[in-house]
Amino acid sequence: MSVLQKRTVVIWCAVMLLFVAGNGFAQETLLPKDLIIEMDFQPGNGLSVGLVQMVEGRVVIMHADMLRGYLAKKDLPLFQGDVVVTDKDGRARLAMNDGSILSMARDTRMTINQSVYHQKKKRRSSFFKLLGKARFWIKKLVDIRQSDVKIKTQTAVVGVRGSDFVIEGTPATTVVTAFDLEGSQLELMSVAEPDAKPTIVYSNQRSQVRQGAPPTKPVFVPSAEREQMKKDFIPIPGPGEPMTPPDLGKPGAPMKPVYFSYDDLIIDLESIIEEPEPLFKDLEFTQFIKQMEIIEQEDEFIDTKTEEIEETITQIQELPSFPETPF
């Protein structure tokens, strides 16, 4: 074997090792080690913020404490702080209480950090954290005073008003693709440059954010490619199909779907013509990044304490039994 051939073999082996290691990293970080899967679902804390609409394959739901996992089933309620994980053969479609739909592809982890919708107060505030691939159909709310919806990956933050789009997030790169919903507008920012002006991604465009870099210039995505991308997800429901639960006031209460007419999906043209206020302001975005960092630190603290408790329990179980007391 020549020197060139040996080098080729070494390079090929190195590439394969990196590929395997990368896949192993993705699998290990989606679910906590030694997670206990419970058969009987227990509701999380507080009020429900949505429900599971459809499930394919293996999908696991964990509440904020991350101590137990539950196999996702149709109509199970979702709570603030929940983490939803799809396996290599799993997909899920979630309905939030504001009428928005989240469709998760395989090998994906979604955290519902915050989901607040006050119909009477006309206010919506939602924060999600994503590792993997998901399609977001964020309902455009008419006559609302405040709408704040953001999705964070490890390299970027996406601000949304009312759009249909896909986010693919890995530890190193985030790719955002907006579909052809009329009036779609996304504001994309790099977590490494919180003071920079956001990049606007319109319908049928794509941009990406690499680690430590700003968003790339948006480029047009052909229709055939967009339609191919949609096949990775459980389809978003069309007119007349159930979209979201009506009342999530009681924790763990049974919920029935609400049926929306086609008119509910029509975008208000006047709101499109008007110049919207920016989704990101310098102070607001900086506070958001700090808030997410605090949440991540709390998650790490919970994980550490959980491991310490499990280790203590294991040590107790391994202690030898004491001899009986003599008479």
C-alpha atoms as a PDB file:
ATOM      1  CA  MET A   1       0.000   0.000   0.000  1.00  0.00           C
ATOM      2  CA  SER A   2       1.415   3.378  -1.008  1.00  0.00           C
ATOM      3  CA  VAL A   3       1.820   6.333   1.358  1.00  0.00           C
ATOM      4  CA  LEU A   4      -1.020   8.165  -0.433  1.00  0.00           C
ATOM      5  CA  GLN A   5      -3.341   5.178  -0.014  1.00  0.00           C
ATOM      6  CA  LYS A   6      -2.470   4.906   3.697  1.00  0.00           C
ATOM      7  CA  ARG A   7      -3.227   8.600   4.197  1.00  0.00           C
ATOM      8  CA  THR A   8      -6.553   8.177   2.396  1.00  0.00           C
ATOM      9  CA  VAL A   9      -7.499   5.257   4.663  1.00  0.00           C
ATOM     10  CA  VAL A  10      -6.524   7.224   7.792  1.00  0.00           C
ATOM     11  CA  ILE A  11      -8.553  10.260   6.693  1.00  0.00           C
ATOM     12  CA  TRP A  12     -11.553   8.071   5.853  1.00  0.00           C
ATOM     13  CA  CYS A  13     -11.411   6.359   9.273  1.00  0.00           C
ATOM     14  CA  ALA A  14     -11.180   9.743  10.997  1.00  0.00           C
ATOM     15  CA  VAL A  15     -14.232  11.011   9.116  1.00  0.00           C
ATOM     16  CA  MET A  16     -16.224   7.892  10.063  1.00  0.00           C
ATOM     17  CA  LEU A  17     -15.235   8.244  13.729  1.00  0.00           C
ATOM     18  CA  LEU A  18     -16.350  11.855  13.758  1.00  0.00           C
ATOM     19  CA  PHE A  19     -19.641  10.866  12.122  1.00  0.00           C
ATOM     20  CA  VAL A  20     -20.309   8.123  14.658  1.00  0.00           C
ATOM     21  CA  ALA A  21     -19.271  10.348  17.555  1.00  0.00           C
ATOM     22  CA  GLY A  22     -21.527  13.132  16.301  1.00  0.00           C
ATOM     23  CA  ASN A  23     -24.513  10.826  16.069  1.00  0.00           C
ATOM     24  CA  GLY A  24     -23.769   9.383  19.486  1.00  0.00           C
ATOM     25  CA  PHE A  25     -23.611  12.883  20.971  1.00  0.00           C
ATOM     26  CA  ALA A  26     -26.988  13.750  19.479  1.00  0.00           C
ATOM     27  CA  GLN A  27     -28.615  10.584  20.827  1.00  0.00           C
ATOM     28  CA  GLU A  28     -27.118  10.875  24.324  1.00  0.00           C
ATOM     29  CA  THR A  29     -28.091  14.514  24.820  1.00  0.00           C
ATOM     30  CA  LEU A  30     -31.746  14.165  23.783  1.00  0.00           C
ATOM     31  CA  LEU A  31     -32.795  12.114  26.826  1.00  0.00           C
ATOM     32  CA  PRO A  32     -31.214  12.085  30.316  1.00  0.00           C
ATOM     33  CA  LYS A  33     -29.160   9.028  31.188  1.00  0.00           C
ATOM     34  CA  ASP A  34     -31.112   6.264  32.986  1.00  0.00           C
ATOM     35  CA  LEU A  35     -34.413   8.132  32.581  1.00  0.00           C
ATOM     36  CA  ILE A  36     -37.334   6.242  34.146  1.00  0.00           C
ATOM     37  CA  ILE A  37     -40.306   5.847  31.787  1.00  0.00           C
ATOM     38  CA  GLU A  38     -43.631   5.747  33.635  1.00  0.00           C
ATOM     39  CA  MET A  39     -46.674   4.049  32.124  1.00  0.00           C
ATOM     40  CA  ASP A  40     -49.237   6.228  33.947  1.00  0.00           C
ATOM     41  CA  PHE A  41     -49.096   9.878  32.890  1.00  0.00           C
ATOM     42  CA  GLN A  42     -48.940  12.461  35.669  1.00  0.00           C
ATOM     43  CA  PRO A  43     -49.773  16.104  34.840  1.00  0.00           C
ATOM     44  CA  GLY A  44     -47.177  18.806  35.312  1.00  0.00           C
ATOM     45  CA  ASN A  45     -47.416  21.906  37.497  1.00  0.00           C
ATOM     46  CA  GLY A  46     -49.770  24.768  36.743  1.00  0.00           C
ATOM     47  CA  LEU A  47     -52.195  25.141  33.873  1.00  0.00           C
ATOM     48  CA  SER A  48     -51.984  23.215  30.630  1.00  0.00           C
ATOM     49  CA  VAL A  49     -50.528  25.218  27.731  1.00  0.00           C
ATOM     50  CA  GLY A  50     -51.374  22.825  24.887  1.00  0.00           C
ATOM     51  CA  LEU A  51     -51.825  19.194  23.957  1.00  0.00           C
ATOM     52  CA  VAL A  52     -50.367  16.398  21.842  1.00  0.00           C
ATOM     53  CA  GLN A  53     -52.348  16.229  18.589  1.00  0.00           C
ATOM     54  CA  MET A  54     -50.645  13.319  16.836  1.00  0.00           C
ATOM     55  CA  VAL A  55     -47.829  10.848  17.547  1.00  0.00           C
ATOM     56  CA  GLU A  56     -45.886   8.498  15.286  1.00  0.00           C
ATOM     57  CA  GLY A  57     -43.331   6.095  16.750  1.00  0.00           C
ATOM     58  CA  ARG A  58     -41.682   6.679  20.132  1.00  0.00           C
ATOM     59  CA  VAL A  59     -42.029  10.143  21.653  1.00  0.00           C
ATOM     60  CA  VAL A  60     -41.232  10.978  25.304  1.00  0.00           C
ATOM     61  CA  ILE A  61     -42.563  13.845  27.433  1.00  0.00           C
ATOM     62  CA  MET A  62     -40.688  15.045  30.520  1.00  0.00           C
ATOM     63  CA  HIS A  63     -41.882  17.703  32.944  1.00  0.00           C
ATOM     64  CA  ALA A  64     -39.640  20.508  34.180  1.00  0.00           C
ATOM     65  CA  ASP A  65     -38.001  18.419  36.933  1.00  0.00           C
ATOM     66  CA  MET A  66     -36.784  15.871  34.315  1.00  0.00           C
ATOM     67  CA  LEU A  67     -37.181  13.051  36.874  1.00  0.00           C
ATOM     68  CA  ARG A  68     -39.657  10.937  34.895  1.00  0.00           C
ATOM     69  CA  GLY A  69     -40.575  10.383  31.280  1.00  0.00           C
ATOM     70  CA  TYR A  70     -43.950   9.509  29.773  1.00  0.00           C
ATOM     71  CA  LEU A  71     -44.714   8.037  26.374  1.00  0.00           C
ATOM     72  CA  ALA A  72     -46.594  10.664  24.397  1.00  0.00           C
ATOM     73  CA  LYS A  73     -50.144   9.858  23.334  1.00  0.00           C
ATOM     74  CA  LYS A  74     -52.853  11.744  21.505  1.00  0.00           C
ATOM     75  CA  ASP A  75     -54.628  14.392  23.635  1.00  0.00           C
ATOM     76  CA  LEU A  76     -52.108  14.334  26.503  1.00  0.00           C
ATOM     77  CA  PRO A  77     -51.815  17.851  27.998  1.00  0.00           C
ATOM     78  CA  LEU A  78     -48.594  19.874  27.857  1.00  0.00           C
ATOM     79  CA  PHE A  79     -47.288  22.146  30.597  1.00  0.00           C
ATOM     80  CA  GLN A  80     -44.844  25.012  30.884  1.00  0.00           C
ATOM     81  CA  GLY A  81     -41.340  23.594  31.290  1.00  0.00           C
ATOM     82  CA  ASP A  82     -42.163  20.339  29.474  1.00  0.00           C
ATOM     83  CA  VAL A  83     -39.528  18.746  27.257  1.00  0.00           C
ATOM     84  CA  VAL A  84     -40.725  16.697  24.273  1.00  0.00           C
ATOM     85  CA  VAL A  85     -38.259  14.299  22.624  1.00  0.00           C
ATOM     86  CA  THR A  86     -38.809  12.309  19.430  1.00  0.00           C
ATOM     87  CA  ASP A  87     -36.825   9.101  18.907  1.00  0.00           C
ATOM     88  CA  LYS A  88     -35.150   8.056  15.647  1.00  0.00           C
ATOM     89  CA  ASP A  89     -38.497   6.628  14.482  1.00  0.00           C
ATOM     90  CA  GLY A  90     -40.738   9.179  16.201  1.00  0.00           C
ATOM     91  CA  ARG A  91     -42.612  12.285  15.093  1.00  0.00           C
ATOM     92  CA  ALA A  92     -45.100  14.485  16.950  1.00  0.00           C
ATOM     93  CA  ARG A  93     -47.505  17.339  16.315  1.00  0.00           C
ATOM     94  CA  LEU A  94     -48.338  19.676  19.205  1.00  0.00           C
ATOM     95  CA  ALA A  95     -51.154  22.229  19.471  1.00  0.00           C
ATOM     96  CA  MET A  96     -50.620  25.267  21.697  1.00  0.00           C
ATOM     97  CA  ASN A  97     -53.409  27.202  23.364  1.00  0.00           C
ATOM     98  CA  ASP A  98     -53.011  30.236  21.054  1.00  0.00           C
ATOM     99  CA  GLY A  99     -53.844  28.112  17.993  1.00  0.00           C
ATOM    100  CA  SER A 100     -50.221  27.617  16.899  1.00  0.00           C
ATOM    101  CA  ILE A 101     -49.001  24.195  15.730  1.00  0.00           C
ATOM    102  CA  LEU A 102     -45.524  22.676  16.280  1.00  0.00           C
ATOM    103  CA  SER A 103     -44.597  19.615  14.218  1.00  0.00           C
ATOM    104  CA  MET A 104     -41.436  17.800  15.328  1.00  0.00           C
ATOM    105  CA  ALA A 105     -39.297  15.625  13.042  1.00  0.00           C
ATOM    106  CA  ARG A 106     -37.295  12.602  14.174  1.00  0.00           C
ATOM    107  CA  ASP A 107     -34.389  12.918  16.659  1.00  0.00           C
ATOM    108  CA  THR A 108     -35.600  16.268  17.993  1.00  0.00           C
ATOM    109  CA  ARG A 109     -35.842  17.845  21.436  1.00  0.00           C
ATOM    110  CA  MET A 110     -38.235  20.721  22.134  1.00  0.00           C
ATOM    111  CA  THR A 111     -38.480  22.611  25.440  1.00  0.00           C
ATOM    112  CA  ILE A 112     -41.547  24.721  26.226  1.00  0.00           C
ATOM    113  CA  ASN A 113     -39.791  27.288  28.395  1.00  0.00           C
ATOM    114  CA  GLN A 114     -42.757  29.640  28.429  1.00  0.00           C
ATOM    115  CA  SER A 115     -46.217  29.694  26.849  1.00  0.00           C
ATOM    116  CA  VAL A 116     -48.658  32.354  28.010  1.00  0.00           C
ATOM    117  CA  TYR A 117     -51.797  33.349  26.094  1.00  0.00           C
ATOM    118  CA  HIS A 118     -54.372  35.766  27.514  1.00  0.00           C
ATOM    119  CA  GLN A 119     -57.226  36.120  25.063  1.00  0.00           C
ATOM    120  CA  LYS A 120     -59.026  38.804  27.091  1.00  0.00           C
ATOM    121  CA  LYS A 121     -55.848  40.776  27.737  1.00  0.00           C
ATOM    122  CA  LYS A 122     -54.850  40.269  24.075  1.00  0.00           C
ATOM    123  CA  ARG A 123     -51.329  39.175  24.975  1.00  0.00           C
ATOM    124  CA  ARG A 124     -49.144  36.258  23.903  1.00  0.00           C
ATOM    125  CA  SER A 125     -45.652  35.348  25.093  1.00  0.00           C
ATOM    126  CA  SER A 126     -43.906  32.111  24.113  1.00  0.00           C
ATOM    127  CA  PHE A 127     -40.299  30.893  24.358  1.00  0.00           C
ATOM    128  CA  PHE A 128     -39.151  27.540  22.970  1.00  0.00           C
ATOM    129  CA  LYS A 129     -35.742  25.877  22.893  1.00  0.00           C
ATOM    130  CA  LEU A 130     -34.939  23.510  20.015  1.00  0.00           C
ATOM    131  CA  LEU A 131     -32.317  20.878  19.233  1.00  0.00           C
ATOM    132  CA  GLY A 132     -33.155  19.030  16.022  1.00  0.00           C
ATOM    133  CA  LYS A 133     -35.748  19.877  13.373  1.00  0.00           C
ATOM    134  CA  ALA A 134     -39.276  21.246  13.731  1.00  0.00           C
ATOM    135  CA  ARG A 135     -41.907  23.018  11.684  1.00  0.00           C
ATOM    136  CA  PHE A 136     -43.662  25.962  13.322  1.00  0.00           C
ATOM    137  CA  TRP A 137     -47.062  27.240  12.220  1.00  0.00           C
ATOM    138  CA  ILE A 138     -47.436  30.333  14.424  1.00  0.00           C
ATOM    139  CA  LYS A 139     -50.992  31.624  14.252  1.00  0.00           C
ATOM    140  CA  LYS A 140     -51.232  35.283  13.331  1.00  0.00           C
ATOM    141  CA  LEU A 141     -53.531  36.817  15.942  1.00  0.00           C
ATOM    142  CA  VAL A 142     -55.746  39.705  14.863  1.00  0.00           C
ATOM    143  CA  ASP A 143     -56.362  42.654  17.200  1.00  0.00           C
ATOM    144  CA  ILE A 144     -53.716  41.646  19.731  1.00  0.00           C
ATOM    145  CA  ARG A 145     -51.815  44.196  21.806  1.00  0.00           C
ATOM    146  CA  GLN A 146     -48.626  42.210  22.411  1.00  0.00           C
ATOM    147  CA  SER A 147     -47.264  39.130  20.642  1.00  0.00           C
ATOM    148  CA  ASP A 148     -43.834  37.851  21.592  1.00  0.00           C
ATOM    149  CA  VAL A 149     -42.828  34.443  20.196  1.00  0.00           C
ATOM    150  CA  LYS A 150     -39.185  33.368  20.094  1.00  0.00           C
ATOM    151  CA  ILE A 151     -37.355  30.104  19.412  1.00  0.00           C
ATOM    152  CA  LYS A 152     -33.781  29.641  20.622  1.00  0.00           C
ATOM    153  CA  THR A 153     -31.226  27.177  19.311  1.00  0.00           C
ATOM    154  CA  GLN A 154     -27.600  26.859  20.345  1.00  0.00           C
ATOM    155  CA  THR A 155     -26.484  29.437  17.768  1.00  0.00           C
ATOM    156  CA  ALA A 156     -29.500  31.657  17.035  1.00  0.00           C
ATOM    157  CA  VAL A 157     -32.765  33.207  18.188  1.00  0.00           C
ATOM    158  CA  VAL A 158     -35.759  33.510  15.865  1.00  0.00           C
ATOM    159  CA  GLY A 159     -38.454  36.130  16.490  1.00  0.00           C
ATOM    160  CA  VAL A 160     -41.875  35.428  14.993  1.00  0.00           C
ATOM    161  CA  ARG A 161     -45.156  37.265  14.388  1.00  0.00           C
ATOM    162  CA  GLY A 162     -47.264  34.875  12.324  1.00  0.00           C
ATOM    163  CA  SER A 163     -45.384  32.523  10.040  1.00  0.00           C
ATOM    164  CA  ASP A 164     -44.978  28.987   8.692  1.00  0.00           C
ATOM    165  CA  PHE A 165     -41.328  27.928   8.805  1.00  0.00           C
ATOM    166  CA  VAL A 166     -38.804  25.199   9.626  1.00  0.00           C
ATOM    167  CA  ILE A 167     -35.834  25.416  11.998  1.00  0.00           C
ATOM    168  CA  GLU A 168     -32.990  22.891  11.892  1.00  0.00           C
ATOM    169  CA  GLY A 169     -30.774  23.357  14.937  1.00  0.00           C
ATOM    170  CA  THR A 170     -27.530  21.538  15.721  1.00  0.00           C
ATOM    171  CA  PRO A 171     -24.815  22.495  18.246  1.00  0.00           C
ATOM    172  CA  ALA A 172     -22.906  24.227  15.437  1.00  0.00           C
ATOM    173  CA  THR A 173     -25.492  25.536  12.942  1.00  0.00           C
ATOM    174  CA  THR A 174     -29.053  26.804  12.679  1.00  0.00           C
ATOM    175  CA  VAL A 175     -30.913  26.805   9.356  1.00  0.00           C
ATOM    176  CA  VAL A 176     -34.211  28.711   9.063  1.00  0.00           C
ATOM    177  CA  THR A 177     -36.514  28.241   6.065  1.00  0.00           C
ATOM    178  CA  ALA A 178     -39.714  30.295   5.700  1.00  0.00           C
ATOM    179  CA  PHE A 179     -42.585  28.786   3.716  1.00  0.00           C
ATOM    180  CA  ASP A 180     -45.085  30.594   1.507  1.00  0.00           C
ATOM    181  CA  LEU A 181     -47.591  31.746   4.121  1.00  0.00           C
ATOM    182  CA  GLU A 182     -48.568  35.256   3.069  1.00  0.00           C
ATOM    183  CA  GLY A 183     -47.030  37.881   5.305  1.00  0.00           C
ATOM    184  CA  SER A 184     -44.376  35.607   6.832  1.00  0.00           C
ATOM    185  CA  GLN A 185     -41.593  37.579   8.456  1.00  0.00           C
ATOM    186  CA  LEU A 186     -38.887  36.195  10.737  1.00  0.00           C
ATOM    187  CA  GLU A 187     -36.219  38.139  12.597  1.00  0.00           C
ATOM    188  CA  LEU A 188     -33.048  36.070  12.902  1.00  0.00           C
ATOM    189  CA  MET A 189     -30.179  36.902  15.243  1.00  0.00           C
ATOM    190  CA  SER A 190     -26.959  35.208  16.305  1.00  0.00           C
ATOM    191  CA  VAL A 191     -26.543  34.571  20.044  1.00  0.00           C
ATOM    192  CA  ALA A 192     -22.920  35.619  19.560  1.00  0.00           C
ATOM    193  CA  GLU A 193     -23.954  39.105  18.348  1.00  0.00           C
ATOM    194  CA  PRO A 194     -26.943  40.236  20.453  1.00  0.00           C
ATOM    195  CA  ASP A 195     -26.386  43.907  19.610  1.00  0.00           C
ATOM    196  CA  ALA A 196     -26.422  43.403  15.845  1.00  0.00           C
ATOM    197  CA  LYS A 197     -29.380  44.325  13.648  1.00  0.00           C
ATOM    198  CA  PRO A 198     -31.586  41.266  13.000  1.00  0.00           C
ATOM    199  CA  THR A 199     -31.711  39.640   9.577  1.00  0.00           C
ATOM    200  CA  ILE A 200     -35.238  39.596   8.094  1.00  0.00           C
ATOM    201  CA  VAL A 201     -36.284  36.311   6.460  1.00  0.00           C
ATOM    202  CA  TYR A 202     -39.395  36.596   4.289  1.00  0.00           C
ATOM    203  CA  SER A 203     -41.623  33.954   2.675  1.00  0.00           C
ATOM    204  CA  ASN A 204     -39.797  31.325   0.579  1.00  0.00           C
ATOM    205  CA  GLN A 205     -36.375  32.360   1.891  1.00  0.00           C
ATOM    206  CA  ARG A 206     -33.640  30.660   3.903  1.00  0.00           C
ATOM    207  CA  SER A 207     -30.805  31.843   6.141  1.00  0.00           C
ATOM    208  CA  GLN A 208     -28.390  30.074   8.461  1.00  0.00           C
ATOM    209  CA  VAL A 209     -26.352  30.973  11.523  1.00  0.00           C
ATOM    210  CA  ARG A 210     -23.096  29.184  12.234  1.00  0.00           C
ATOM    211  CA  GLN A 211     -21.547  29.184  15.691  1.00  0.00           C
ATOM    212  CA  GLY A 212     -19.999  32.581  16.432  1.00  0.00           C
ATOM    213  CA  ALA A 213     -21.075  34.050  13.084  1.00  0.00           C
ATOM    214  CA  PRO A 214     -23.877  36.403  11.937  1.00  0.00           C
ATOM    215  CA  PRO A 215     -26.843  35.164   9.870  1.00  0.00           C
ATOM    216  CA  THR A 216     -26.178  34.637   6.183  1.00  0.00           C
ATOM    217  CA  LYS A 217     -27.943  36.682   3.521  1.00  0.00           C
ATOM    218  CA  PRO A 218     -31.396  35.138   2.871  1.00  0.00           C
ATOM    219  CA  VAL A 219     -31.710  33.217  -0.391  1.00  0.00           C
ATOM    220  CA  PHE A 220     -34.752  32.005  -2.332  1.00  0.00           C
ATOM    221  CA  VAL A 221     -35.849  28.379  -1.803  1.00  0.00           C
ATOM    222  CA  PRO A 222     -37.597  26.717  -4.786  1.00  0.00           C
ATOM    223  CA  SER A 223     -41.116  25.360  -4.331  1.00  0.00           C
ATOM    224  CA  ALA A 224     -40.067  21.751  -5.020  1.00  0.00           C
ATOM    225  CA  GLU A 225     -37.458  21.903  -2.249  1.00  0.00           C
ATOM    226  CA  ARG A 226     -39.920  23.400   0.230  1.00  0.00           C
ATOM    227  CA  GLU A 227     -42.477  20.677  -0.500  1.00  0.00           C
ATOM    228  CA  GLN A 228     -39.808  18.012  -0.029  1.00  0.00           C
ATOM    229  CA  MET A 229     -38.911  19.488   3.372  1.00  0.00           C
ATOM    230  CA  LYS A 230     -42.533  19.230   4.544  1.00  0.00           C
ATOM    231  CA  LYS A 231     -42.400  15.443   4.172  1.00  0.00           C
ATOM    232  CA  ASP A 232     -40.157  15.243   7.253  1.00  0.00           C
ATOM    233  CA  PHE A 233     -43.094  16.265   9.457  1.00  0.00           C
ATOM    234  CA  ILE A 234     -46.622  15.218  10.324  1.00  0.00           C
ATOM    235  CA  PRO A 235     -48.634  17.588   8.080  1.00  0.00           C
ATOM    236  CA  ILE A 236     -50.015  20.782   9.574  1.00  0.00           C
ATOM    237  CA  PRO A 237     -53.839  20.520   9.672  1.00  0.00           C
ATOM    238  CA  GLY A 238     -55.827  22.222   6.972  1.00  0.00           C
ATOM    239  CA  PRO A 239     -59.097  24.189   7.159  1.00  0.00           C
ATOM    240  CA  GLY A 240     -61.772  22.418   9.224  1.00  0.00           C
ATOM    241  CA  GLU A 241     -59.358  20.127  11.073  1.00  0.00           C
ATOM    242  CA  PRO A 242     -58.895  20.398  14.868  1.00  0.00           C
ATOM    243  CA  MET A 243     -56.325  23.049  15.714  1.00  0.00           C
ATOM    244  CA  THR A 244     -56.180  23.695  19.466  1.00  0.00           C
ATOM    245  CA  PRO A 245     -57.930  22.963  22.778  1.00  0.00           C
ATOM    246  CA  PRO A 246     -60.545  25.492  23.941  1.00  0.00           C
ATOM    247  CA  ASP A 247     -59.956  25.780  27.689  1.00  0.00           C
ATOM    248  CA  LEU A 248     -56.841  24.738  29.578  1.00  0.00           C
ATOM    249  CA  GLY A 249     -57.792  26.174  32.955  1.00  0.00           C
ATOM    250  CA  LYS A 250     -57.580  23.016  35.068  1.00  0.00           C
ATOM    251  CA  PRO A 251     -54.359  20.981  35.348  1.00  0.00           C
ATOM    252  CA  GLY A 252     -54.788  17.604  33.706  1.00  0.00           C
ATOM    253  CA  ALA A 253     -58.410  18.291  32.717  1.00  0.00           C
ATOM    254  CA  PRO A 254     -59.756  16.484  29.628  1.00  0.00           C
ATOM    255  CA  MET A 255     -59.686  18.721  26.580  1.00  0.00           C
ATOM    256  CA  LYS A 256     -61.677  18.748  23.377  1.00  0.00           C
ATOM    257  CA  PRO A 257     -60.439  20.185  20.071  1.00  0.00           C
ATOM    258  CA  VAL A 258     -61.826  23.385  18.578  1.00  0.00           C
ATOM    259  CA  TYR A 259     -62.650  23.484  14.873  1.00  0.00           C
ATOM    260  CA  PHE A 260     -61.630  26.565  12.957  1.00  0.00           C
ATOM    261  CA  SER A 261     -63.135  27.732   9.711  1.00  0.00           C
ATOM    262  CA  TYR A 262     -61.115  28.758   6.695  1.00  0.00           C
ATOM    263  CA  ASP A 263     -61.766  32.427   7.533  1.00  0.00           C
ATOM    264  CA  ASP A 264     -59.775  32.023  10.747  1.00  0.00           C
ATOM    265  CA  LEU A 265     -56.666  31.249   8.715  1.00  0.00           C
ATOM    266  CA  ILE A 266     -56.872  34.321   6.455  1.00  0.00           C
ATOM    267  CA  ILE A 267     -54.219  36.931   7.192  1.00  0.00           C
ATOM    268  CA  ASP A 268     -55.378  40.476   7.933  1.00  0.00           C
ATOM    269  CA  LEU A 269     -54.028  42.462   4.973  1.00  0.00           C
ATOM    270  CA  GLU A 270     -54.105  45.773   6.851  1.00  0.00           C
ATOM    271  CA  SER A 271     -51.759  44.407   9.497  1.00  0.00           C
ATOM    272  CA  ILE A 272     -49.380  43.356   6.729  1.00  0.00           C
ATOM    273  CA  ILE A 273     -49.387  46.770   5.085  1.00  0.00           C
ATOM    274  CA  GLU A 274     -48.691  48.582   8.337  1.00  0.00           C
ATOM    275  CA  GLU A 275     -45.045  48.846   9.318  1.00  0.00           C
ATOM    276  CA  PRO A 276     -44.645  46.540  12.346  1.00  0.00           C
ATOM    277  CA  GLU A 277     -42.487  47.390  15.312  1.00  0.00           C
ATOM    278  CA  PRO A 278     -39.246  45.401  15.490  1.00  0.00           C
ATOM    279  CA  LEU A 279     -39.537  42.128  17.366  1.00  0.00           C
ATOM    280  CA  PHE A 280     -36.091  42.588  18.855  1.00  0.00           C
ATOM    281  CA  LYS A 281     -34.900  45.641  20.679  1.00  0.00           C
ATOM    282  CA  ASP A 282     -31.341  45.806  21.994  1.00  0.00           C
ATOM    283  CA  LEU A 283     -32.344  45.783  25.670  1.00  0.00           C
ATOM    284  CA  GLU A 284     -35.141  43.259  25.171  1.00  0.00           C
ATOM    285  CA  PHE A 285     -32.903  40.814  23.288  1.00  0.00           C
ATOM    286  CA  THR A 286     -30.088  41.105  25.841  1.00  0.00           C
ATOM    287  CA  GLN A 287     -32.569  40.422  28.672  1.00  0.00           C
ATOM    288  CA  PHE A 288     -33.938  37.450  26.758  1.00  0.00           C
ATOM    289  CA  ILE A 289     -30.467  35.931  26.323  1.00  0.00           C
ATOM    290  CA  LYS A 290     -29.786  36.418  30.065  1.00  0.00           C
ATOM    291  CA  GLN A 291     -33.145  34.809  30.894  1.00  0.00           C
ATOM    292  CA  MET A 292     -32.366  31.785  28.743  1.00  0.00           C
ATOM    293  CA  GLU A 293     -28.906  31.474  30.326  1.00  0.00           C
ATOM    294  CA  ILE A 294     -30.525  31.438  33.792  1.00  0.00           C
ATOM    295  CA  ILE A 295     -32.950  28.736  32.656  1.00  0.00           C
ATOM    296  CA  GLU A 296     -30.077  26.646  31.278  1.00  0.00           C
ATOM    297  CA  GLN A 297     -28.141  27.048  34.548  1.00  0.00           C
ATOM    298  CA  GLU A 298     -31.220  25.930  36.499  1.00  0.00           C
ATOM    299  CA  ASP A 299     -31.583  22.890  34.220  1.00  0.00           C
ATOM    300  CA  GLU A 300     -27.921  21.971  34.803  1.00  0.00           C
ATOM    301  CA  PHE A 301     -28.383  22.388  38.586  1.00  0.00           C
ATOM    302  CA  ILE A 302     -31.440  20.092  38.549  1.00  0.00           C
ATOM    303  CA  ASP A 303     -29.552  17.489  36.498  1.00  0.00           C
ATOM    304  CA  THR A 304     -26.612  17.581  38.917  1.00  0.00           C
ATOM    305  CA  LYS A 305     -28.815  17.230  42.005  1.00  0.00           C
ATOM    306  CA  THR A 306     -30.755  14.400  40.356  1.00  0.00           C
ATOM    307  CA  GLU A 307     -27.518  12.495  39.670  1.00  0.00           C
ATOM    308  CA  GLU A 308     -26.386  13.038  43.293  1.00  0.00           C
ATOM    309  CA  ILE A 309     -29.709  11.711  44.638  1.00  0.00           C
ATOM    310  CA  GLU A 310     -29.578   8.654  42.381  1.00  0.00           C
ATOM    311  CA  GLU A 311     -25.975   7.957  43.433  1.00  0.00           C
ATOM    312  CA  THR A 312     -26.928   8.229  47.131  1.00  0.00           C
ATOM    313  CA  ILE A 313     -29.844   5.823  46.651  1.00  0.00           C
ATOM    314  CA  THR A 314     -27.529   3.348  44.903  1.00  0.00           C
ATOM    315  CA  GLN A 315     -25.006   3.534  47.763  1.00  0.00           C
ATOM    316  CA  ILE A 316     -27.756   2.950  50.345  1.00  0.00           C
ATOM    317  CA  GLN A 317     -29.017  -0.075  48.466  1.00  0.00           C
ATOM    318  CA  GLU A 318     -25.505  -1.525  48.364  1.00  0.00           C
ATOM    319  CA  LEU A 319     -24.946  -1.284  52.174  1.00  0.00           C
ATOM    320  CA  PRO A 320     -24.700  -4.707  53.904  1.00  0.00           C
ATOM    321  CA  SER A 321     -27.554  -5.715  56.185  1.00  0.00           C
ATOM    322  CA  PHE A 322     -26.868  -5.597  59.953  1.00  0.00           C
ATOM    323  CA  PRO A 323     -26.954  -8.872  62.012  1.00  0.00           C
ATOM    324  CA  GLU A 324     -29.914  -9.519  64.233  1.00  0.00           C
ATOM    325  CA  THR A 325     -29.726  -8.304  67.842  1.00  0.00           C
ATOM    326  CA  PRO A 326     -28.899 -11.252  70.198  1.00  0.00           C
ATOM    327  CA  PHE A 327     -31.283 -12.039  73.069  1.00  0.00           C
END
